[in-house]
Amino acid sequence: MSKNKITEELISEQMLKLGYDDSKFNDEEYVQNKVLEHYEISITNEWTNGCSFYMYEESTSDGYSVHIATHDPSNISINEDVNYYDSDFSDKLVEAITYGNHCDEIYIDQPDESWVSDAMSQLFESIMENVEETANDNLIELGYDEE
């Protein structure tokens, strides 16, 4: 039986060794960089035909704004890709990053929108849960006891 107990400090140290700083949850730039690094994906606000997913605002012929989230901007489905509000865009971005099937670059016309940081925070939290579990497992392998 080991005399060393796993503590929050030890877990934080292990997470740092794995490249994740759990004290930076409120640092939006750090969070976004870690998420993009983890999923091996990038975000651009420069339109190219080579992006894997597109999220942008468009105007209708009568001057209303609609929000588009699509894999193929040349073949937009009104029912699936067009939204009157951007309130679901955070979930659509999470889905594109998590289940994007080889999604390597996402076009977002306004990457500083709050729904982008909301999505990044949600993904970062999920990543950090897995990293914390890995850190805990590493400590057990090193002979530490769970509390």
Foldseek 3Di string as FASTA:
>chain_A
DDPAEDDPVLLQVLLVVVPDHPVVLPVLVVLQVVLCVVLQAEEDQDDDQPAQWEWEWDADPVGQIWIFIGRHPVDGDCVPGIGSDCPCVLVSVLCCSPVVVPGHYYHYNDCVDPSNSVNSSVSSVVVVVVSSVVSVVVVVVVPHHYD
